[in-house]
Protein backbone atom coordinates (compact mmCIF):
# COMPACT_ATOMS: atom_id res chain seq x y z
CA MET A 1 0.00 0.00 0.00
CA TYR A 2 1.20 3.47 -0.75
CA ASN A 3 1.65 5.28 2.54
CA GLY A 4 3.49 8.44 1.54
CA ARG A 5 6.91 7.06 2.46
CA ILE A 6 7.95 4.67 -0.26
CA ASP A 7 8.88 5.81 -3.69
CA PRO A 8 5.70 6.09 -5.82
CA VAL A 9 7.53 4.50 -8.77
CA GLU A 10 8.29 1.54 -6.51
CA HIS A 11 4.63 1.43 -5.45
CA VAL A 12 3.46 1.29 -9.08
CA SER A 13 6.05 -1.41 -9.80
CA HIS A 14 4.77 -3.54 -6.91
CA PHE A 15 1.20 -2.99 -8.06
CA ASN A 16 2.12 -4.06 -11.60
CA GLN A 17 3.78 -7.21 -10.25
CA ARG A 18 0.66 -8.13 -8.26
CA MET A 19 -1.58 -7.47 -11.26
CA VAL A 20 0.62 -8.99 -13.97
CA ILE A 21 -2.03 -11.48 -15.15
CA HIS A 22 -4.47 -8.59 -15.63
CA SER A 23 -2.00 -6.13 -17.14
CA LYS A 24 -3.74 -6.10 -20.54
CA ASP A 25 -7.07 -5.05 -18.98
CA GLU A 26 -6.59 -1.28 -18.70
CA ALA A 27 -10.01 -0.63 -17.17
CA LEU A 28 -9.47 -3.25 -14.46
CA MET A 29 -6.00 -1.93 -13.66
CA CYS A 30 -7.39 1.59 -13.21
CA LYS A 31 -10.30 0.36 -11.09
CA VAL A 32 -8.17 -1.80 -8.80
CA PHE A 33 -5.31 0.69 -8.32
CA PRO A 34 -7.10 2.73 -5.61
CA SER A 35 -7.30 -0.38 -3.42
CA SER A 36 -3.53 -0.13 -2.97
CA LEU A 37 -3.65 3.47 -1.72
CA ARG A 38 -3.69 4.93 1.77
CA PRO A 39 -5.93 7.89 2.73
CA ILE A 40 -3.71 10.74 1.49
CA ALA A 41 -3.18 9.15 -1.92
CA MET A 42 -6.82 8.09 -2.01
CA ARG A 43 -7.89 11.73 -1.61
CA TRP A 44 -5.70 12.56 -4.61
CA PHE A 45 -7.27 9.73 -6.62
CA ASP A 46 -10.79 10.82 -5.66
CA SER A 47 -10.00 14.35 -6.83
CA LEU A 48 -9.22 13.22 -10.39
CA LYS A 49 -11.76 14.51 -12.88
CA ALA A 50 -14.05 11.90 -14.42
CA ASP A 51 -12.70 10.56 -17.72
CA SER A 52 -9.37 12.38 -17.25
CA ILE A 53 -7.45 9.07 -17.37
CA SER A 54 -7.75 6.73 -20.33
CA PHE A 55 -4.98 4.21 -19.68
CA PHE A 56 -3.27 2.75 -16.65
CA LYS A 57 0.08 4.20 -17.79
CA GLU A 58 -1.51 7.67 -17.61
CA LEU A 59 -2.77 6.96 -14.11
CA ALA A 60 0.62 5.66 -12.99
CA ARG A 61 2.40 8.68 -14.51
CA ALA A 62 -0.02 11.11 -12.83
CA PHE A 63 0.36 9.31 -9.49
CA CYS A 64 4.15 9.34 -9.68
CA SER A 65 4.38 12.98 -10.73
CA CYS A 66 2.08 14.01 -7.89
CA PHE A 67 3.73 11.97 -5.14
CA ILE A 68 7.40 11.92 -6.16
CA THR A 69 8.01 15.07 -4.13
CA TYR A 70 5.66 13.92 -1.39
CA CYS A 71 7.80 11.06 -0.10
CA LYS A 72 8.63 11.72 3.49
CA VAL A 73 10.41 10.18 6.40
CA PRO A 74 8.11 8.15 8.63
CA ARG A 75 7.23 9.58 12.02
CA PRO A 76 8.47 7.73 15.10
CA LEU A 77 6.06 5.68 17.20
CA ALA A 78 6.54 8.23 20.01
CA SER A 79 4.54 10.81 18.03
CA LEU A 80 1.53 8.49 18.18
CA LEU A 81 2.05 7.84 21.87
CA SER A 82 1.90 11.55 22.62
CA LEU A 83 -1.61 12.04 21.18
CA SER A 84 -4.54 12.38 23.53
CA MET A 85 -8.01 13.86 23.30
CA ARG A 86 -7.91 17.50 24.38
CA GLU A 87 -10.52 19.23 26.50
CA GLY A 88 -13.46 20.16 24.25
CA GLU A 89 -12.13 18.18 21.25
CA THR A 90 -14.73 16.10 19.44
CA LEU A 91 -14.27 12.36 19.12
CA LYS A 92 -14.25 12.74 15.34
CA ALA A 93 -11.43 15.31 15.44
CA TYR A 94 -9.42 13.13 17.82
CA SER A 95 -9.92 9.93 15.80
CA ASP A 96 -9.15 11.76 12.52
CA SER A 97 -5.86 13.15 13.85
CA TYR A 98 -5.01 9.77 15.40
CA TRP A 99 -5.69 7.98 12.09
CA ASP A 100 -3.60 10.49 10.15
CA MET A 101 -0.70 10.10 12.58
CA PHE A 102 -1.03 6.30 12.57
CA ASN A 103 -0.72 6.31 8.76
CA GLU A 104 2.54 8.27 9.01
CA ILE A 105 4.22 5.70 11.26
CA ASP A 106 6.29 2.96 9.70
CA GLY A 107 5.83 -0.54 11.08
CA ASP A 108 3.17 -2.84 12.45
CA PHE A 109 2.05 -1.28 15.71
CA ASP A 110 -1.69 -1.99 15.74
CA ASP A 111 -1.65 -3.39 19.28
CA VAL A 112 0.21 -0.35 20.64
CA ALA A 113 -1.92 2.06 18.60
CA ILE A 114 -5.17 0.53 19.87
CA SER A 115 -4.01 0.76 23.48
CA THR A 116 -2.77 4.35 23.16
CA PHE A 117 -5.97 5.44 21.39
CA LYS A 118 -8.01 4.11 24.31
CA LEU A 119 -5.68 5.71 26.85
CA GLY A 120 -5.83 9.00 24.96
CA LEU A 121 -9.56 9.22 25.55
CA SER A 122 -10.79 10.90 28.71
CA ALA A 123 -11.32 8.39 31.54
CA LYS A 124 -14.94 9.55 31.69
CA HIS A 125 -15.57 9.14 27.95
CA GLY A 126 -18.16 6.45 27.21
CA LEU A 127 -16.21 5.13 24.24
CA ARG A 128 -13.17 4.45 26.43
CA LYS A 129 -15.30 2.42 28.83
CA SER A 130 -16.88 0.59 25.89
CA LEU A 131 -13.54 -0.21 24.25
CA ILE A 132 -11.99 -1.61 27.43
CA GLY A 133 -14.15 -4.73 27.19
CA LYS A 134 -14.16 -5.04 23.39
CA PRO A 135 -11.62 -7.27 21.62
CA ILE A 136 -10.35 -4.86 18.91
CA THR A 137 -7.62 -6.41 16.75
CA SER A 138 -6.75 -3.71 14.22
CA VAL A 139 -6.67 0.07 14.00
CA CYS A 140 -8.98 -0.11 10.95
CA GLN A 141 -11.53 -1.97 13.08
CA LEU A 142 -11.11 0.62 15.84
CA MET A 143 -11.65 3.55 13.45
CA ASN A 144 -14.82 1.99 12.08
């Protein structure tokens, strides 16, 4: 999945390798490509004008030209650990900023992220009490 840290050319190459048996089906390649994207790249994809891309090579070229300068160094896990819900902050704002930060961290830290999300909620927050007893196994599940 493209997460803003790997080279977009490398991402397209990996996608092409996974889709090699479908490489002649341009429409399918264009339709499946978004499934390999993370939220930031997905917003870019969603902003493309209808019928502005005719072939997968065009899509890949547009993706690479947009994100080649966007590659960035992953944030350390500590930046996720420092997030907590501020006084007066809505749950949506907190979960959105948590999700954005989670997507900027390199590595598989779902268990730590789930725990720190819960701990970041106010002790009095109903969701925190609800999540304590729930077996959540992934950050995607938590965000849903």
